[in-house]
N, C-alpha and C. Protein backbone atom coordinates (compact mmCIF):
# COMPACT_ATOMS: atom_id res chain seq x y z
N MET A 1 8.27 101.18 210.40
CA MET A 1 9.13 102.12 210.50
C MET A 1 10.27 101.13 210.31
N ASN A 2 11.24 101.46 208.91
CA ASN A 2 11.98 100.42 208.44
C ASN A 2 13.42 101.33 208.41
N ASN A 3 13.64 102.11 209.03
CA ASN A 3 14.95 103.26 209.15
C ASN A 3 15.08 103.31 210.45
N CYS A 4 16.40 103.32 210.93
CA CYS A 4 16.98 103.50 212.13
C CYS A 4 16.69 105.54 212.38
N TYR A 5 16.88 105.67 213.84
CA TYR A 5 16.53 106.65 214.31
C TYR A 5 17.41 108.12 213.23
N ASN A 6 18.38 107.63 212.80
CA ASN A 6 19.08 108.79 212.47
C ASN A 6 19.07 108.56 210.46
N GLY A 7 17.38 107.94 209.61
CA GLY A 7 17.16 107.47 208.82
C GLY A 7 18.25 106.40 207.82
N LYS A 8 19.29 105.66 208.86
CA LYS A 8 19.51 104.68 207.88
C LYS A 8 18.73 103.80 207.64
N PRO A 9 18.70 102.68 206.64
CA PRO A 9 17.98 101.47 206.64
C PRO A 9 18.12 100.70 207.53
N LEU A 10 17.15 99.94 208.36
CA LEU A 10 17.62 98.66 209.19
C LEU A 10 18.44 97.93 209.01
N ALA A 11 18.93 97.69 208.01
CA ALA A 11 19.64 96.30 207.25
C ALA A 11 21.22 97.00 207.70
N VAL A 12 21.42 98.28 207.84
CA VAL A 12 22.72 98.69 207.83
C VAL A 12 22.81 99.31 209.42
N CYS A 13 21.83 99.48 209.99
CA CYS A 13 21.98 99.98 211.31
C CYS A 13 22.99 98.87 212.27
N THR A 14 23.56 99.89 213.28
CA THR A 14 24.30 98.46 214.08
C THR A 14 23.47 98.45 214.95
N ASP A 15 24.13 97.11 215.52
CA ASP A 15 23.09 96.24 216.71
C ASP A 15 22.78 97.12 217.83
N GLU A 16 23.58 97.84 218.15
CA GLU A 16 23.09 98.98 219.43
C GLU A 16 22.10 99.77 218.69
N GLU A 17 22.14 100.32 217.73
CA GLU A 17 20.84 100.92 217.27
C GLU A 17 19.28 100.10 217.32
N LEU A 18 19.66 98.94 216.25
CA LEU A 18 18.41 98.24 216.64
C LEU A 18 18.06 98.02 218.07
N ALA A 19 18.81 97.72 218.85
CA ALA A 19 18.45 97.46 220.17
C ALA A 19 17.46 98.60 220.76
N LEU A 20 18.15 99.85 220.34
CA LEU A 20 17.28 101.05 220.89
C LEU A 20 16.01 100.84 220.40
N LEU A 21 15.83 100.88 219.28
CA LEU A 21 14.90 100.89 218.06
C LEU A 21 13.64 99.60 219.08
N VAL A 22 14.50 98.55 219.17
CA VAL A 22 13.79 97.59 220.04
C VAL A 22 13.04 98.05 221.41
N ASP A 23 13.92 98.79 221.92
CA ASP A 23 13.55 99.05 223.36
C ASP A 23 12.35 100.23 223.07
N TYR A 24 12.01 100.95 222.03
CA TYR A 24 11.40 101.52 221.80
C TYR A 24 9.84 100.86 221.38
N GLY A 25 10.09 99.93 220.94
CA GLY A 25 8.85 98.80 220.39
C GLY A 25 8.56 98.93 219.28
N ASN A 26 9.92 98.76 218.62
CA ASN A 26 9.94 98.54 216.85
C ASN A 26 10.08 97.28 216.95
N MET A 27 8.94 96.29 216.32
CA MET A 27 9.49 95.20 216.10
C MET A 27 10.08 94.38 214.86
N THR A 28 10.00 95.77 213.87
CA THR A 28 10.84 95.17 212.61
C THR A 28 12.49 95.51 213.14
N ALA A 29 12.63 96.07 213.92
CA ALA A 29 14.08 96.41 214.27
C ALA A 29 14.39 95.03 214.98
N PHE A 30 13.20 94.27 215.81
CA PHE A 30 13.79 92.88 216.42
C PHE A 30 13.84 91.97 215.48
N THR A 31 12.90 92.02 214.16
CA THR A 31 13.13 90.84 213.33
C THR A 31 14.74 91.25 212.38
N GLU A 32 15.16 92.43 212.33
CA GLU A 32 16.33 92.44 211.89
C GLU A 32 17.52 91.90 213.06
N LEU A 33 17.45 92.47 213.93
CA LEU A 33 18.28 92.07 214.46
C LEU A 33 18.35 90.13 215.04
N ALA A 34 17.50 89.56 214.85
CA ALA A 34 16.92 88.52 215.18
C ALA A 34 17.60 87.54 213.95
N GLU A 35 17.60 88.11 212.84
CA GLU A 35 17.79 87.73 211.52
C GLU A 35 19.59 87.35 211.63
N ARG A 36 20.03 88.45 212.44
CA ARG A 36 21.50 88.94 212.28
C ARG A 36 21.80 87.79 213.48
N TYR A 37 21.22 87.23 214.34
CA TYR A 37 21.92 86.44 215.67
C TYR A 37 21.09 85.34 215.43
N LEU A 38 20.31 84.69 214.44
CA LEU A 38 19.54 83.43 214.78
C LEU A 38 20.90 82.38 214.22
N PRO A 39 21.85 82.67 213.21
CA PRO A 39 22.74 81.35 213.04
C PRO A 39 23.52 81.29 214.68
N ALA A 40 23.99 82.03 215.24
CA ALA A 40 24.90 81.77 216.40
C ALA A 40 23.58 81.53 217.25
N ILE A 41 22.64 81.67 217.40
CA ILE A 41 21.79 80.96 218.24
C ILE A 41 21.47 79.68 218.23
N GLU A 42 21.39 79.43 216.76
CA GLU A 42 21.05 77.99 216.32
C GLU A 42 22.50 77.14 216.45
N ALA A 43 23.79 77.68 216.46
CA ALA A 43 24.87 77.07 216.61
C ALA A 43 25.05 76.91 218.00
N LYS A 44 24.75 77.67 218.81
CA LYS A 44 24.72 77.53 220.57
C LYS A 44 23.97 75.95 221.04
N ALA A 45 22.46 76.02 220.52
CA ALA A 45 21.51 75.60 220.81
C ALA A 45 21.88 73.92 220.18
N ALA A 46 22.59 73.90 219.17
CA ALA A 46 22.94 72.52 218.46
C ALA A 46 23.92 71.88 219.26
N SER A 47 24.96 72.67 220.58
CA SER A 47 25.46 71.96 221.10
C SER A 47 25.15 71.40 222.61
N PHE A 48 23.93 71.34 222.64
CA PHE A 48 23.09 71.07 223.92
C PHE A 48 22.16 69.80 223.71
N ASN A 49 22.32 68.99 224.15
CA ASN A 49 21.45 67.71 224.13
C ASN A 49 21.16 67.59 225.34
N VAL A 50 19.78 67.28 225.78
CA VAL A 50 19.36 67.20 227.12
C VAL A 50 17.99 66.03 226.65
N ALA A 51 17.66 65.52 227.27
CA ALA A 51 16.49 64.45 227.10
C ALA A 51 15.41 65.54 227.92
N GLY A 52 14.21 65.18 227.24
CA GLY A 52 13.29 65.92 227.45
C GLY A 52 13.07 67.61 226.92
N PHE A 53 14.25 68.00 226.34
CA PHE A 53 14.55 69.14 225.50
C PHE A 53 14.83 69.03 223.86
N GLU A 54 14.32 69.71 223.36
CA GLU A 54 14.28 69.56 222.06
C GLU A 54 15.59 70.73 221.69
N PHE A 55 16.13 70.80 220.55
CA PHE A 55 16.73 72.06 219.80
C PHE A 55 15.74 73.46 219.90
N ASN A 56 14.69 73.17 219.29
CA ASN A 56 13.68 74.42 219.13
C ASN A 56 13.46 75.45 220.68
N ASP A 57 13.59 74.13 221.50
CA ASP A 57 13.49 74.78 223.09
C ASP A 57 14.93 75.71 223.36
N PHE A 58 15.88 75.34 222.94
CA PHE A 58 16.83 76.21 223.10
C PHE A 58 17.15 77.30 222.60
N VAL A 59 16.53 77.22 221.04
CA VAL A 59 16.56 78.17 220.20
C VAL A 59 15.88 79.33 220.79
N GLN A 60 13.96 78.81 221.07
CA GLN A 60 13.02 79.68 221.95
C GLN A 60 13.99 80.48 223.25
N GLU A 61 14.64 79.89 223.83
CA GLU A 61 15.49 80.39 225.03
C GLU A 61 16.45 81.60 224.28
N GLY A 62 17.18 81.06 223.31
CA GLY A 62 17.88 82.27 222.58
C GLY A 62 17.28 83.40 222.22
N LEU A 63 16.04 83.15 221.64
CA LEU A 63 15.72 84.34 221.11
C LEU A 63 15.11 85.13 222.13
N LEU A 64 14.52 84.55 223.08
CA LEU A 64 13.85 85.09 224.45
C LEU A 64 14.84 86.16 224.90
N SER A 65 15.89 85.46 224.96
CA SER A 65 17.16 86.47 225.87
C SER A 65 17.71 87.33 224.56
N LEU A 66 17.64 87.22 223.42
CA LEU A 66 18.01 88.48 222.54
C LEU A 66 17.22 89.30 222.93
N TYR A 67 15.70 89.41 222.82
CA TYR A 67 14.83 90.36 223.00
C TYR A 67 15.02 91.07 224.57
N ILE A 68 15.00 89.93 225.11
CA ILE A 68 15.56 90.79 226.71
C ILE A 68 16.66 91.57 226.42
N CYS A 69 17.67 90.95 226.17
CA CYS A 69 19.00 92.17 225.82
C CYS A 69 18.57 93.31 225.23
N ALA A 70 17.89 93.11 224.04
CA ALA A 70 17.49 94.63 223.18
C ALA A 70 16.94 95.46 224.25
N LYS A 71 15.67 94.88 224.88
CA LYS A 71 15.12 95.55 225.98
C LYS A 71 15.86 96.54 227.12
N THR A 72 17.01 95.89 227.65
CA THR A 72 17.54 96.16 228.52
C THR A 72 19.17 96.51 228.45
N TYR A 73 19.76 96.56 227.11
CA TYR A 73 20.50 96.78 226.88
C TYR A 73 21.34 98.30 227.26
N ASP A 74 22.16 98.72 228.17
CA ASP A 74 22.48 100.18 228.38
C ASP A 74 24.01 100.35 227.67
N SER A 75 24.33 100.71 227.09
CA SER A 75 25.62 101.01 226.27
C SER A 75 26.44 101.64 227.56
N LYS A 76 26.23 102.38 228.63
CA LYS A 76 26.80 102.95 229.35
C LYS A 76 27.56 101.87 230.65
N ARG A 77 26.82 100.83 230.62
CA ARG A 77 27.07 100.14 231.80
C ARG A 77 27.52 98.83 231.06
N ASN A 78 27.21 98.14 229.98
CA ASN A 78 27.10 96.94 229.31
C ASN A 78 28.38 96.95 228.31
N SER A 79 29.23 95.84 228.20
CA SER A 79 30.03 95.97 227.10
C SER A 79 29.27 95.97 225.68
N GLY A 80 30.01 95.59 224.16
CA GLY A 80 29.35 96.24 223.44
C GLY A 80 27.81 94.95 223.16
N PHE A 81 26.80 95.31 222.48
CA PHE A 81 25.91 94.59 222.33
C PHE A 81 26.38 93.18 221.95
N LYS A 82 27.21 93.07 221.10
CA LYS A 82 27.20 91.69 220.72
C LYS A 82 27.87 90.79 221.87
N THR A 83 28.80 91.31 222.39
CA THR A 83 29.37 90.55 223.70
C THR A 83 28.43 90.53 224.60
N PHE A 84 27.66 91.45 225.10
CA PHE A 84 26.56 91.51 226.17
C PHE A 84 25.48 90.24 225.79
N CYS A 85 25.10 90.74 224.57
CA CYS A 85 23.94 89.44 224.07
C CYS A 85 24.32 87.90 223.79
N ASN A 86 25.35 87.59 223.27
CA ASN A 86 26.25 86.58 223.38
C ASN A 86 26.15 85.65 224.53
N SER A 87 26.67 86.44 225.50
CA SER A 87 27.04 86.09 227.08
C SER A 87 25.51 85.63 227.63
N CYS A 88 24.59 86.34 227.65
CA CYS A 88 23.42 86.28 227.92
C CYS A 88 22.75 85.18 227.82
N ILE A 89 22.72 84.88 226.36
CA ILE A 89 22.37 84.18 225.22
C ILE A 89 23.09 82.47 225.80
N LEU A 90 24.25 82.75 225.64
CA LEU A 90 24.92 81.06 226.36
C LEU A 90 24.64 80.85 227.94
N LYS A 91 24.86 81.99 228.73
CA LYS A 91 24.10 81.62 230.18
C LYS A 91 22.79 81.44 230.53
N ARG A 92 21.81 81.46 229.46
CA ARG A 92 20.29 81.26 229.83
C ARG A 92 20.30 79.72 229.20
N MET A 93 21.19 79.35 228.04
CA MET A 93 21.13 78.16 227.60
C MET A 93 21.96 77.00 228.93
N ILE A 94 22.78 77.31 228.84
CA ILE A 94 23.39 76.74 230.09
C ILE A 94 22.82 76.39 231.53
N SER A 95 21.96 77.63 231.62
CA SER A 95 21.14 77.41 232.90
C SER A 95 19.89 76.41 232.83
N LEU A 96 19.26 76.53 231.51
CA LEU A 96 18.47 75.62 231.03
C LEU A 96 19.02 74.09 231.04
N TYR A 97 19.83 73.93 230.68
CA TYR A 97 20.66 72.55 230.42
C TYR A 97 20.95 71.86 232.11
N ARG A 98 21.47 72.88 232.79
CA ARG A 98 21.70 72.45 234.08
C ARG A 98 20.69 72.27 235.07
N THR A 99 19.51 73.02 234.55
CA THR A 99 18.22 72.59 235.25
C THR A 99 17.79 71.45 235.11
N ALA A 100 17.84 71.30 233.46
CA ALA A 100 17.36 69.92 233.20
C ALA A 100 18.11 68.80 233.68
N ASN A 101 19.23 68.87 233.64
CA ASN A 101 20.35 67.74 234.54
C ASN A 101 20.22 67.57 235.95
N SER A 102 19.84 68.62 236.55
CA SER A 102 19.65 68.53 237.76
C SER A 102 18.26 67.88 238.45
N GLY A 103 17.55 67.50 237.66
CA GLY A 103 16.30 66.75 238.16
C GLY A 103 15.23 67.73 238.45
N LYS A 104 15.61 69.03 238.51
CA LYS A 104 14.44 70.13 239.04
C LYS A 104 13.52 70.15 237.46
N ASN A 105 12.20 69.92 238.30
CA ASN A 105 11.23 69.62 237.08
C ASN A 105 10.51 70.95 236.61
N LEU A 106 11.46 71.61 235.68
CA LEU A 106 10.85 73.21 235.00
C LEU A 106 9.88 72.51 233.66
N PRO A 107 8.62 72.33 233.71
CA PRO A 107 7.83 71.93 232.57
C PRO A 107 7.86 72.60 231.52
N LEU A 108 8.35 71.93 230.26
CA LEU A 108 8.28 72.62 229.15
C LEU A 108 7.07 73.62 228.73
N LYS A 109 5.99 73.08 229.15
CA LYS A 109 4.90 74.00 228.92
C LYS A 109 4.73 75.40 229.52
N ALA A 110 5.65 75.30 230.51
CA ALA A 110 5.62 76.84 231.25
C ALA A 110 6.59 77.81 229.76
N TYR A 111 6.83 77.14 229.03
CA TYR A 111 7.58 78.20 227.63
C TYR A 111 6.53 78.34 226.78
N VAL A 112 7.11 79.85 226.40
CA VAL A 112 6.10 80.19 225.16
C VAL A 112 6.50 79.34 223.86
N PRO A 113 5.73 78.84 223.08
CA PRO A 113 5.63 78.26 222.22
C PRO A 113 6.82 78.67 221.14
N TYR A 114 7.55 78.06 220.32
CA TYR A 114 8.36 78.50 219.13
C TYR A 114 7.83 78.97 217.80
N ASP A 115 7.07 77.98 217.43
CA ASP A 115 6.32 77.99 216.03
C ASP A 115 7.13 78.63 214.99
N ASP A 116 8.07 78.05 215.35
CA ASP A 116 8.96 78.46 213.80
C ASP A 116 9.04 80.14 213.74
N TYR A 117 8.89 80.86 214.44
CA TYR A 117 8.51 82.25 214.17
C TYR A 117 9.83 82.75 213.42
N LEU A 118 10.85 82.61 213.80
CA LEU A 118 11.83 83.31 213.16
C LEU A 118 12.90 82.58 212.38
N SER A 119 12.60 81.01 212.18
CA SER A 119 13.48 80.44 211.35
C SER A 119 12.62 80.79 209.92
N GLU A 120 11.41 81.05 210.05
CA GLU A 120 11.01 81.36 209.00
C GLU A 120 11.18 82.72 208.05
N ALA A 121 11.22 83.59 209.34
CA ALA A 121 11.55 85.00 208.79
C ALA A 121 12.78 85.42 208.55
N SER A 122 13.91 84.36 209.03
CA SER A 122 15.31 84.40 208.65
C SER A 122 15.64 83.68 206.88
N ALA A 123 14.82 83.16 206.57
CA ALA A 123 14.69 82.39 205.08
C ALA A 123 14.69 83.48 204.11
N SER A 124 15.49 83.40 203.24
CA SER A 124 15.76 84.41 202.39
C SER A 124 14.56 84.54 201.11
N ASP A 125 13.88 83.58 201.09
CA ASP A 125 12.64 83.38 200.31
C ASP A 125 11.16 84.06 201.08
N VAL A 126 11.34 84.07 202.20
CA VAL A 126 10.34 84.99 202.73
C VAL A 126 9.74 86.43 202.54
N ASN A 127 8.19 86.41 201.90
CA ASN A 127 7.85 87.56 201.38
C ASN A 127 7.50 88.41 202.46
N PRO A 128 7.62 89.63 202.10
CA PRO A 128 7.05 90.92 202.94
C PRO A 128 6.12 90.42 203.69
N GLU A 129 5.14 90.23 203.17
CA GLU A 129 3.54 89.79 203.83
C GLU A 129 3.95 88.53 204.90
N GLN A 130 4.45 87.67 204.77
CA GLN A 130 5.41 86.85 205.66
C GLN A 130 5.96 87.16 207.05
N LYS A 131 6.78 87.84 206.76
CA LYS A 131 7.53 88.79 207.46
C LYS A 131 6.18 89.54 208.47
N LEU A 132 6.01 90.34 207.70
CA LEU A 132 4.51 90.94 208.86
C LEU A 132 3.82 90.15 209.50
N ILE A 133 3.52 88.90 209.11
CA ILE A 133 2.40 88.09 209.81
C ILE A 133 3.54 87.80 210.98
N ASN A 134 4.60 87.40 210.91
CA ASN A 134 5.56 86.76 211.70
C ASN A 134 5.93 88.10 213.12
N GLU A 135 6.12 89.16 212.54
CA GLU A 135 5.84 89.91 213.51
C GLU A 135 4.79 90.52 214.33
N GLU A 136 4.09 90.24 213.79
CA GLU A 136 2.51 90.57 214.35
C GLU A 136 2.58 89.35 215.61
N ALA A 137 2.52 87.95 215.00
CA ALA A 137 2.89 87.20 215.91
C ALA A 137 3.33 87.04 217.16
N PHE A 138 5.01 87.58 216.81
CA PHE A 138 5.32 87.50 217.81
C PHE A 138 5.29 88.63 218.77
N SER A 139 4.34 89.96 218.25
CA SER A 139 4.38 90.81 218.80
C SER A 139 2.97 90.81 219.60
N ASP A 140 1.89 89.94 219.10
CA ASP A 140 0.91 89.73 219.72
C ASP A 140 1.48 88.49 221.47
N THR A 141 2.30 87.56 221.05
CA THR A 141 2.43 86.99 221.79
C THR A 141 3.14 87.50 223.25
N TYR A 142 4.11 88.79 222.79
CA TYR A 142 4.51 89.31 223.96
C TYR A 142 3.66 90.44 224.77
N ARG A 143 2.59 90.83 223.92
CA ARG A 143 1.43 91.62 224.55
C ARG A 143 0.53 90.99 225.27
N ILE A 144 0.53 89.71 224.98
CA ILE A 144 -0.35 88.63 225.77
C ILE A 144 0.33 88.54 227.07
N ILE A 145 1.61 88.04 227.16
CA ILE A 145 2.42 87.87 227.95
C ILE A 145 2.53 88.62 229.06
N LYS A 146 2.61 89.92 228.47
CA LYS A 146 3.09 91.41 229.30
C LYS A 146 1.39 91.77 230.02
N SER A 147 0.41 91.51 229.31
CA SER A 147 -1.07 91.73 229.79
C SER A 147 -1.48 90.82 230.88
N ARG A 148 -0.88 89.71 230.81
CA ARG A 148 -1.50 88.68 232.03
C ARG A 148 -0.47 88.96 233.11
N LEU A 149 0.88 89.14 233.04
CA LEU A 149 1.72 89.64 234.09
C LEU A 149 1.55 90.79 234.88
N SER A 150 1.91 90.68 235.96
CA SER A 150 1.67 92.07 237.02
C SER A 150 3.09 92.63 236.61
N HIS A 151 3.41 93.97 237.31
CA HIS A 151 4.22 94.48 237.18
C HIS A 151 5.52 93.96 237.84
N LEU A 152 5.39 93.21 238.94
CA LEU A 152 6.32 92.39 239.76
C LEU A 152 6.73 91.28 238.96
N GLU A 153 5.61 90.52 238.47
CA GLU A 153 5.96 89.34 237.67
C GLU A 153 6.74 89.53 236.62
N TYR A 154 6.44 90.53 235.78
CA TYR A 154 7.25 91.01 234.58
C TYR A 154 8.83 91.05 235.17
N ASP A 155 8.93 92.24 236.15
CA ASP A 155 10.22 92.60 236.43
C ASP A 155 11.17 91.36 236.83
N VAL A 156 10.59 90.01 237.46
CA VAL A 156 11.07 89.26 237.82
C VAL A 156 11.56 88.55 236.46
N LEU A 157 10.34 88.17 235.60
CA LEU A 157 10.49 87.38 234.24
C LEU A 157 12.07 88.05 233.74
N ILE A 158 11.88 89.51 233.62
CA ILE A 158 12.66 89.90 232.72
C ILE A 158 14.48 89.41 233.45
N ARG A 159 14.48 89.58 234.84
CA ARG A 159 15.56 89.25 235.37
C ARG A 159 15.91 87.76 235.39
N TYR A 160 14.76 87.11 235.49
CA TYR A 160 15.22 85.85 235.34
C TYR A 160 15.47 85.20 234.06
N ILE A 161 14.99 85.85 233.02
CA ILE A 161 15.55 85.41 231.80
C ILE A 161 16.97 85.62 231.74
N ASN A 162 17.39 86.82 232.10
CA ASN A 162 18.80 87.65 232.03
C ASN A 162 19.65 86.64 233.36
N ASN A 163 19.36 85.28 233.37
CA ASN A 163 19.93 84.19 234.16
C ASN A 163 20.57 85.00 235.94
N LYS A 164 20.00 86.00 236.30
CA LYS A 164 19.99 86.21 237.47
C LYS A 164 19.43 85.45 238.83
N SER A 165 20.00 85.11 239.57
CA SER A 165 19.51 84.06 240.71
C SER A 165 18.70 84.63 241.18
N TYR A 166 17.88 84.02 242.15
CA TYR A 166 16.73 84.42 243.18
C TYR A 166 16.97 85.43 244.03
N THR A 167 18.09 85.17 244.38
CA THR A 167 19.31 86.19 245.52
C THR A 167 19.20 87.36 245.13
N ASP A 168 19.68 87.34 243.68
CA ASP A 168 20.11 88.81 242.96
C ASP A 168 18.78 89.42 242.53
N ILE A 169 17.66 88.57 242.02
CA ILE A 169 16.69 89.41 241.88
C ILE A 169 15.76 90.01 243.09
N ALA A 170 16.00 89.02 244.37
CA ALA A 170 15.37 89.86 245.59
C ALA A 170 16.11 91.06 245.74
N ASN A 171 17.51 91.16 245.82
CA ASN A 171 17.95 92.34 246.16
C ASN A 171 17.96 93.44 245.24
N ASP A 172 17.80 93.25 243.84
CA ASP A 172 17.22 93.97 242.84
C ASP A 172 15.89 94.68 243.14
N LEU A 173 15.13 93.97 243.41
CA LEU A 173 13.46 94.59 243.89
C LEU A 173 12.96 94.65 245.05
N ASN A 174 14.10 94.48 245.99
CA ASN A 174 13.71 94.62 247.58
C ASN A 174 13.00 94.11 248.06
N VAL A 175 12.89 92.69 247.64
CA VAL A 175 11.62 92.05 248.05
C VAL A 175 12.58 90.58 248.83
N SER A 176 11.89 89.78 249.13
CA SER A 176 12.44 88.25 249.77
C SER A 176 12.52 87.20 248.78
N VAL A 177 13.36 86.77 248.97
CA VAL A 177 13.78 85.15 247.97
C VAL A 177 12.64 84.40 247.81
N LYS A 178 11.84 84.18 248.91
CA LYS A 178 10.56 83.72 249.33
C LYS A 178 9.67 84.30 248.22
N SER A 179 9.25 85.47 248.08
CA SER A 179 8.67 86.16 247.28
C SER A 179 9.00 85.85 245.80
N VAL A 180 10.02 85.90 245.56
CA VAL A 180 10.60 85.83 244.08
C VAL A 180 9.80 84.49 243.40
N ASN A 181 10.34 83.15 244.53
CA ASN A 181 10.26 82.20 244.11
C ASN A 181 8.67 81.67 243.97
N ASN A 182 7.82 82.37 244.84
CA ASN A 182 6.28 82.42 244.56
C ASN A 182 6.12 83.08 243.22
N THR A 183 6.58 84.45 243.21
CA THR A 183 6.28 85.20 241.70
C THR A 183 6.50 84.34 240.57
N MET A 184 7.80 83.85 240.53
CA MET A 184 8.07 82.51 239.54
C MET A 184 7.34 81.27 239.48
N GLN A 185 6.58 80.81 240.44
CA GLN A 185 5.40 79.85 240.29
C GLN A 185 4.14 80.22 239.50
N ARG A 186 4.06 81.88 240.08
CA ARG A 186 2.38 82.31 239.29
C ARG A 186 2.87 82.20 237.95
N ILE A 187 3.94 82.90 237.65
CA ILE A 187 4.36 83.13 236.10
C ILE A 187 4.27 81.81 235.25
N ARG A 188 4.98 80.82 236.12
CA ARG A 188 4.90 79.72 234.88
C ARG A 188 3.32 79.04 234.87
N LYS A 189 2.35 79.47 236.12
CA LYS A 189 1.25 78.92 235.76
C LYS A 189 0.44 79.53 234.89
N LYS A 190 0.68 80.97 235.14
CA LYS A 190 -0.14 81.79 233.85
C LYS A 190 0.76 81.39 232.30
N LEU A 191 1.55 81.46 232.23
CA LEU A 191 2.61 81.41 230.89
C LEU A 191 1.68 79.81 230.48
N LYS A 192 1.55 78.85 231.21
CA LYS A 192 1.12 77.17 231.37
C LYS A 192 -0.61 77.54 230.87
N ASP A 193 -1.06 78.53 231.34
CA ASP A 193 -2.65 78.66 231.15
C ASP A 193 -2.52 79.21 229.96
N ILE A 194 -1.55 79.99 229.48
CA ILE A 194 -1.99 80.91 227.96
C ILE A 194 -1.80 79.89 226.88
N TYR A 195 -0.89 78.85 227.19
CA TYR A 195 -0.19 78.15 225.87
C TYR A 195 -0.63 76.59 226.07
N ILE A 196 -1.85 76.16 226.79
CA ILE A 196 -1.84 74.97 226.95
C ILE A 196 -3.21 74.87 226.36
């Protein structure tokens, strides 16, 4: 599907329209959205320098936050998509930076590999076949993660990526903070098992 729901080509769709398509499962729309936001994500990522973390770790967090923003964006509750998304991406990178500097050992192996997925997709000389391969790789990664997580684990992960505290997540899901903590430990273990 290379058009917005109103027939416009994806390239001229608004960010809000692309987010709606991403929420409906259109990964081509996500690729278009990621191409638009990748320069800003890379600029934000370049401002962080933490021992044990690489530039691509922050870019990965930014892309994951962009995806979650597209899946959860609500024009009735949130400000414009760009404002909402940039805020979420920056908060997530700051959270990663603080976690790294606080001495909390959050293993990098718990993160999904970046694989240069979108840096290749954003290059102007990438052919349509490579874009399709990239989209399928991202889609496969998302499906694998979602299939391995329980409904609660997925809900917790979405909120965690959106920089919610364990207390806020517990309140949202009507569970205890300890339950959220245990769920996050299971998520990390599952992601580590998938990508090691």
